[in-house]
Amino acid sequence: MVQQVSSLEQIILSKVLEVLHREGGIELHTELRNEGLDSIKTIELIVNLEIEFDIQIDDQDLLIENFSSIYKISELLTNTYGLQQ
C-alpha cells in the first residue's frame, strides 16, 4: 500500500532526514526514536521546524509523543498551529 504524503509531511520528512543525516527509508508512522532521533536531535528538529514554518512551539507541546513520528509531528502542526496539509 502506497501512503499519500502531504506537502507538510514532505517538509517534515526532509527536516527529519536532515537532522538524522539520512537520505530516506522513513515512513509516516516510523518510530523516530528507533531511527536515531535522540533528545539533542529532537531539539535541532524543533528549531528547524520553528524556523521553516515561522512558529514558536509552546513548552506544553514539547512532549516525546508529539515528535514520535512524521505523522504525529504533522498532526501537532496542523491541529495546534494551524498549518495546512
Protein backbone atom coordinates (compact mmCIF):
# COMPACT_ATOMS: atom_id res chain seq x y z
CA MET A 1 0.00 0.00 0.00
CA VAL A 2 1.40 3.40 -1.01
CA GLN A 3 1.00 6.19 1.53
CA GLN A 4 -0.13 9.59 0.31
CA VAL A 5 2.24 12.19 1.70
CA SER A 6 1.04 15.78 2.05
CA SER A 7 3.31 18.72 1.32
CA LEU A 8 3.52 19.43 5.06
CA GLU A 9 4.56 15.85 5.76
CA GLN A 10 7.11 16.05 2.96
CA ILE A 11 8.70 19.15 4.52
CA ILE A 12 8.73 17.49 7.96
CA LEU A 13 10.28 14.36 6.44
CA SER A 14 13.03 16.41 4.80
CA LYS A 15 13.80 18.13 8.13
CA VAL A 16 13.89 14.77 9.94
CA LEU A 17 16.19 13.26 7.32
CA GLU A 18 18.44 16.34 7.54
CA VAL A 19 18.74 16.04 11.34
CA LEU A 20 19.35 12.28 11.15
CA HIS A 21 21.82 12.65 8.26
CA ARG A 22 19.82 10.15 6.20
CA GLU A 23 18.59 10.07 2.63
CA GLY A 24 15.38 8.10 3.05
CA GLY A 25 13.77 5.00 4.45
CA ILE A 26 11.42 6.66 6.91
CA GLU A 27 7.65 6.25 6.61
CA LEU A 28 4.93 8.44 8.14
CA HIS A 29 4.39 6.16 11.13
CA THR A 30 8.02 5.08 11.66
CA GLU A 31 9.04 5.46 15.30
CA LEU A 32 11.70 8.16 15.03
CA ARG A 33 13.46 7.21 18.27
CA ASN A 34 14.20 3.84 16.66
CA GLU A 35 15.80 5.70 13.77
CA GLY A 36 18.20 7.67 15.96
CA LEU A 37 16.16 10.75 16.95
CA ASP A 38 17.54 11.37 20.44
CA SER A 39 16.88 14.35 22.70
CA ILE A 40 19.57 16.56 21.13
CA LYS A 41 18.42 15.79 17.59
CA THR A 42 14.82 16.40 18.65
CA ILE A 43 15.77 19.90 19.81
CA GLU A 44 17.54 20.51 16.49
CA LEU A 45 14.44 19.28 14.64
CA ILE A 46 12.13 21.53 16.67
CA VAL A 47 14.30 24.59 15.98
CA ASN A 48 14.40 23.73 12.26
CA LEU A 49 10.60 23.35 12.15
CA GLU A 50 10.10 26.65 14.01
CA ILE A 51 12.32 28.43 11.50
CA GLU A 52 10.77 26.71 8.47
CA PHE A 53 7.19 27.50 9.48
CA ASP A 54 7.81 30.74 11.40
CA ILE A 55 6.18 29.42 14.55
CA GLN A 56 7.09 29.03 18.21
CA ILE A 57 6.23 25.60 19.60
CA ASP A 58 4.90 26.04 23.13
CA ASP A 59 6.64 24.33 26.03
CA GLN A 60 3.45 22.37 26.77
CA ASP A 61 3.69 20.77 23.31
CA LEU A 62 7.30 19.63 23.76
CA LEU A 63 6.30 16.06 24.56
CA ILE A 64 8.04 12.96 23.24
CA GLU A 65 4.79 11.60 21.82
CA ASN A 66 4.30 14.75 19.69
CA PHE A 67 7.62 14.07 17.93
CA SER A 68 7.48 10.28 17.75
CA SER A 69 6.73 10.09 14.00
CA ILE A 70 6.30 12.24 10.92
CA TYR A 71 2.54 11.70 11.24
CA LYS A 72 2.44 12.86 14.89
CA ILE A 73 4.51 15.97 14.11
CA SER A 74 2.18 16.75 11.22
CA GLU A 75 -0.86 16.33 13.49
CA LEU A 76 0.64 18.71 16.06
CA LEU A 77 1.49 21.36 13.48
CA THR A 78 -1.91 21.09 11.78
CA ASN A 79 -4.18 20.83 14.83
CA THR A 80 -2.33 23.15 17.22
CA TYR A 81 -0.56 25.65 14.96
CA GLY A 82 -2.99 25.78 12.03
CA LEU A 83 -0.56 24.71 9.33
CA GLN A 84 -2.17 23.30 6.21
CA GLN A 85 -1.55 19.80 4.92
